Protein backbone atom coordinates (compact mmCIF):
# COMPACT_ATOMS: atom_id res chain seq x y z
CA MET A 1 -10.52 -2.71 -19.12
CA LYS A 2 -8.84 -3.23 -22.52
CA LYS A 3 -7.34 0.26 -22.25
CA ILE A 4 -6.16 -0.23 -18.69
CA LEU A 5 -4.16 -3.38 -19.54
CA PRO A 6 -1.49 -1.84 -21.83
CA ILE A 7 -0.77 0.80 -19.03
CA PHE A 8 -0.68 -1.97 -16.43
CA ARG A 9 1.70 -4.16 -18.48
CA ARG A 10 4.03 -1.34 -19.28
CA GLU A 11 4.40 -0.39 -15.60
CA VAL A 12 4.83 -4.05 -14.45
CA PHE A 13 7.55 -4.57 -17.09
CA ALA A 14 9.20 -1.32 -16.00
CA TYR A 15 9.36 -2.56 -12.39
CA PHE A 16 10.77 -5.94 -13.24
CA TYR A 17 13.09 -4.88 -16.13
CA SER A 18 14.93 -2.60 -13.68
CA PRO A 19 16.54 -3.37 -10.33
CA VAL A 20 13.81 -1.47 -8.41
CA ALA A 21 11.43 -4.33 -7.83
CA TYR A 22 14.19 -6.85 -6.88
CA ILE A 23 15.85 -4.43 -4.52
CA VAL A 24 12.68 -3.42 -2.81
CA ILE A 25 11.27 -6.93 -2.55
CA SER A 26 14.64 -8.18 -1.28
CA VAL A 27 14.83 -5.58 1.49
CA PHE A 28 11.22 -6.23 2.40
CA LEU A 29 11.89 -10.06 2.75
CA ILE A 30 15.12 -9.55 4.68
CA ILE A 31 13.40 -7.45 7.28
CA THR A 32 10.28 -9.57 7.52
CA GLY A 33 12.34 -12.70 7.57
CA TRP A 34 14.52 -11.40 10.40
CA PHE A 35 11.49 -10.69 12.53
CA PHE A 36 9.96 -14.05 11.66
CA THR A 37 13.07 -16.09 12.56
CA SER A 38 13.71 -13.98 15.69
CA GLU A 39 10.28 -14.77 17.02
CA MET A 40 10.60 -18.43 16.19
CA PHE A 41 14.11 -19.11 17.53
CA LEU A 42 14.45 -16.56 20.36
CA SER A 43 10.83 -16.71 21.67
CA ASN A 44 10.39 -20.32 20.62
CA GLU A 45 7.01 -19.31 19.30
CA SER A 46 5.56 -20.26 15.84
CA SER A 47 3.41 -17.34 14.77
CA LEU A 48 3.34 -14.51 12.33
CA ARG A 49 2.46 -11.96 15.03
CA SER A 50 5.76 -10.02 14.66
CA VAL A 51 5.62 -10.13 10.90
CA PHE A 52 1.98 -8.84 10.82
CA SER A 53 3.18 -6.07 13.27
CA ILE A 54 6.27 -4.96 11.25
CA ILE A 55 4.84 -5.04 7.75
CA PRO A 56 2.51 -2.01 8.27
CA PHE A 57 5.53 -0.01 9.31
CA ILE A 58 7.62 -1.23 6.38
CA PHE A 59 4.80 -0.29 4.05
CA ILE A 60 5.05 3.35 5.19
CA PHE A 61 8.43 3.54 3.36
CA PHE A 62 7.95 0.67 0.83
CA VAL A 63 4.78 1.97 -0.91
CA PRO A 64 5.92 5.57 -1.51
CA ALA A 65 9.14 4.23 -3.03
CA ILE A 66 7.27 1.99 -5.54
CA THR A 67 4.70 4.59 -6.51
CA MET A 68 6.66 7.89 -6.55
CA ARG A 69 7.68 7.54 -10.16
CA LEU A 70 4.41 6.22 -11.64
CA LEU A 71 3.12 9.62 -12.75
CA SER A 72 5.74 12.15 -11.69
CA GLU A 73 8.29 10.60 -14.07
CA GLU A 74 5.70 10.76 -16.96
CA ARG A 75 5.18 14.39 -16.20
CA LYS A 76 8.95 15.23 -15.91
CA SER A 77 9.81 13.40 -19.17
CA GLY A 78 6.85 14.78 -21.07
CA THR A 79 5.47 11.37 -21.95
CA ILE A 80 2.29 12.08 -20.04
CA GLU A 81 1.41 14.54 -22.87
CA LEU A 82 1.70 11.63 -25.30
CA LEU A 83 -0.65 9.53 -23.11
CA PHE A 84 -3.16 12.36 -23.10
CA THR A 85 -3.28 12.32 -26.96
CA MET A 86 -4.26 8.62 -26.89
CA PRO A 87 -7.87 7.35 -26.68
CA ILE A 88 -7.68 6.63 -23.10
CA SER A 89 -9.25 8.51 -20.12
CA ASP A 90 -7.30 10.00 -17.19
CA LEU A 91 -9.14 7.45 -14.90
CA GLU A 92 -7.87 4.54 -17.05
CA ILE A 93 -4.33 5.87 -16.87
CA ILE A 94 -4.57 6.11 -13.08
CA LEU A 95 -6.18 2.66 -12.74
CA GLY A 96 -3.51 0.98 -14.94
CA LYS A 97 -0.74 2.43 -12.83
CA TYR A 98 -2.57 1.72 -9.59
CA PHE A 99 -3.05 -1.93 -10.34
CA ALA A 100 0.65 -2.20 -11.40
CA GLY A 101 1.77 -0.73 -8.06
CA LEU A 102 -0.68 -3.00 -6.18
CA SER A 103 0.55 -6.06 -8.05
CA LEU A 104 4.19 -5.43 -6.96
CA LEU A 105 3.06 -5.08 -3.41
CA THR A 106 0.99 -8.27 -3.67
CA VAL A 107 4.03 -10.11 -5.09
CA ALA A 108 6.08 -9.05 -2.04
CA LEU A 109 3.35 -10.41 0.29
CA ILE A 110 3.21 -13.70 -1.66
CA PHE A 111 6.90 -14.16 -0.98
CA THR A 112 6.11 -14.17 2.81
CA LEU A 113 3.69 -17.16 2.40
CA PRO A 114 6.49 -19.65 3.13
CA PHE A 115 6.60 -18.11 6.68
CA ALA A 116 2.98 -18.98 7.10
CA ILE A 117 3.26 -22.47 5.62
CA SER A 118 6.19 -23.27 7.88
CA ILE A 119 4.22 -22.34 11.07
CA VAL A 120 1.36 -24.43 9.88
CA PHE A 121 3.71 -27.52 9.84
CA LEU A 122 5.54 -26.48 13.02
CA GLY A 123 2.80 -25.38 15.24
CA THR A 124 -1.02 -25.10 15.58
CA PRO A 125 -1.77 -21.62 14.28
CA ASP A 126 -5.20 -20.07 14.05
CA ILE A 127 -5.76 -20.37 10.28
CA GLY A 128 -8.57 -17.81 10.38
CA MET A 129 -6.35 -15.11 11.87
CA LEU A 130 -3.64 -15.95 9.33
CA ILE A 131 -6.21 -15.35 6.49
CA THR A 132 -7.55 -12.11 8.04
CA GLY A 133 -3.96 -10.88 8.79
CA TYR A 134 -3.11 -11.11 5.04
CA LEU A 135 -6.52 -9.65 4.14
CA GLY A 136 -5.78 -6.66 6.44
CA LEU A 137 -2.27 -6.21 4.88
CA ILE A 138 -3.68 -6.24 1.32
CA LEU A 139 -6.41 -3.78 2.13
CA MET A 140 -3.92 -1.47 3.98
CA GLY A 141 -1.43 -1.84 1.16
CA ALA A 142 -4.06 -1.12 -1.49
CA SER A 143 -4.98 2.13 0.38
CA TYR A 144 -1.27 3.16 0.64
CA VAL A 145 -0.84 2.57 -3.13
CA ALA A 146 -3.92 4.80 -3.83
CA ILE A 147 -2.26 7.57 -1.69
CA GLY A 148 1.02 7.03 -3.48
CA ILE A 149 -0.70 7.43 -6.90
CA PHE A 150 -2.19 10.64 -5.85
CA ALA A 151 1.09 11.97 -4.45
CA SER A 152 2.77 11.06 -7.81
CA THR A 153 0.28 13.35 -9.59
CA VAL A 154 1.04 16.44 -7.62
CA SER A 155 4.73 16.94 -8.50
CA ARG A 156 7.15 16.25 -11.41
CA ASN A 157 9.80 15.50 -8.74
CA GLN A 158 9.88 11.92 -7.47
CA VAL A 159 11.41 12.97 -4.13
CA VAL A 160 8.50 15.37 -3.51
CA ALA A 161 6.02 12.63 -4.51
CA PHE A 162 7.72 10.31 -2.00
CA ILE A 163 7.57 12.86 0.76
CA VAL A 164 3.86 13.76 0.19
CA ALA A 165 2.85 10.11 0.15
CA PHE A 166 5.03 9.33 3.18
CA ALA A 167 3.52 12.20 5.10
CA ILE A 168 -0.15 11.34 4.39
CA ILE A 169 0.37 7.60 5.18
CA PHE A 170 2.40 8.33 8.36
CA VAL A 171 -0.22 10.68 9.72
CA LEU A 172 -3.08 8.17 9.05
CA TRP A 173 -0.97 5.40 10.62
CA LEU A 174 0.08 7.58 13.61
CA ILE A 175 -3.35 8.78 14.70
CA ASN A 176 -4.11 5.59 16.53
CA LYS A 177 -0.99 5.89 18.60
CA PHE A 178 -2.01 9.21 20.17
CA LEU A 179 -5.70 8.75 20.82
CA MET A 180 -5.13 8.90 24.57
CA LEU A 181 -4.01 12.40 24.23
CA ILE A 182 -6.99 13.62 22.26
CA PRO A 183 -10.07 15.07 23.96
CA PRO A 184 -12.78 12.36 24.30
CA PRO A 185 -15.35 14.01 21.98
CA PHE A 186 -12.92 13.81 19.00
CA VAL A 187 -11.71 10.29 19.70
CA PRO A 188 -14.42 8.36 17.66
CA VAL A 189 -13.84 10.52 14.59
CA LEU A 190 -10.04 10.27 14.73
CA GLN A 191 -10.21 6.58 15.60
CA TYR A 192 -12.30 5.93 12.43
CA LEU A 193 -9.82 7.94 10.38
CA SER A 194 -6.86 5.91 11.66
CA ILE A 195 -5.75 3.32 9.02
CA ASP A 196 -3.95 1.30 11.76
CA TYR A 197 -7.06 1.06 13.94
CA HIS A 198 -9.03 -0.77 11.18
CA TYR A 199 -6.01 -2.99 10.47
CA GLU A 200 -5.80 -4.08 14.11
CA ASN A 201 -9.53 -4.99 13.98
CA ILE A 202 -9.14 -7.22 10.94
CA GLY A 203 -5.89 -8.65 12.36
CA ARG A 204 -7.79 -9.90 15.42
CA GLY A 205 -9.83 -12.14 13.04
CA VAL A 206 -12.84 -9.86 13.00
CA ILE A 207 -14.08 -8.94 9.50
CA ASP A 208 -16.40 -5.97 10.10
CA SER A 209 -18.11 -4.25 7.18
CA ARG A 210 -17.05 -0.87 8.71
CA ASP A 211 -13.40 -1.70 8.32
CA ILE A 212 -13.80 -2.97 4.73
CA THR A 213 -15.99 0.19 3.88
CA TYR A 214 -13.23 2.40 5.36
CA TYR A 215 -10.49 0.96 3.22
CA LEU A 216 -12.64 0.92 0.02
CA SER A 217 -13.69 4.48 0.70
CA LEU A 218 -10.05 5.66 1.25
CA ILE A 219 -9.01 3.95 -2.09
CA ILE A 220 -11.85 5.55 -4.02
CA PHE A 221 -11.23 8.90 -2.40
CA MET A 222 -7.51 8.97 -3.13
CA LEU A 223 -7.90 7.72 -6.67
CA SER A 224 -10.57 10.39 -7.25
CA LEU A 225 -8.13 12.98 -5.97
CA ALA A 226 -5.51 11.68 -8.36
CA LYS A 227 -7.94 11.98 -11.32
CA LEU A 228 -8.75 15.52 -10.30
CA SER A 229 -5.09 16.38 -10.04
CA LEU A 230 -4.45 15.02 -13.60
CA GLU A 231 -7.60 16.94 -14.88
CA SER A 232 -6.25 20.20 -13.32
CA ARG A 233 -4.13 20.68 -16.50
CA LYS A 234 -7.27 21.54 -18.32
CA TRP A 235 -8.11 24.38 -15.95
CA SER A 236 -4.71 26.27 -16.42
C-alpha cells in the first residue's frame, strides 16, 4: 500500500493541477443537472430516476476520457521505463493509477449529492433506492475505470486508448438492449455479461450477490489483463 500511494497522489495531482478534471466534472454536472431540473420542473416529479438513467450513458464517454492518458502517456514519454526501475511492481503501478481514476469519478458523483438532498426535502423518495442507485453507479464506474486502465496499457496513443476503452464499454453496455434479437439459448449468458443488466438490478433496490460478484470479477479480470499487458514488455 505504501508503494501505491505515491503513484495515486501523483495522478490525482495531475488531474487537479490541469484543466482536465474541472472541465470533465463541469460537463458531467451540467448534463446531469439539466436532466435533474427537467424532470423536477417539467414533470413536476422529485426523483433521481432520469439522473440514474443518464449517468451510465455519460460514463461511456467520461471514463475513457479520464483514463486514456494514465499509462499511454507514460509509455509515449518514456517515463514508464523510469517507473520500472523503481522498487515497485507492475500491479502496484496499475492499482495506484486505477484508484486515482476511480477517485476522480467518485468526486464527480459526490457533486450530484445536492440533487439527492434536495429531493429528500422536497418529496418522499425511497431512501433505499437512492443508496442502491449510487452503489450501482460506483460499481459500474469502477468497472469502467478498470477497462480504461487496460485500454491505456495497449497503446502509446491516447486516442487509441480512448477508442479501445469506449468500444469495450459500449459493447458491454449495449448487449442488454438487443437481447430480444438473440436466440433464446444464448440469452442467459449474454444477459449475465451485460453491464447494464446488473446495474438495472441494483437500481431497483435489489442487492444480489450475483450482481456484486459480476462487477468485482470484471474489475479483477480487466486489471489482470492490464498487468499482463504491462508484463508483455519482458517477453519481447
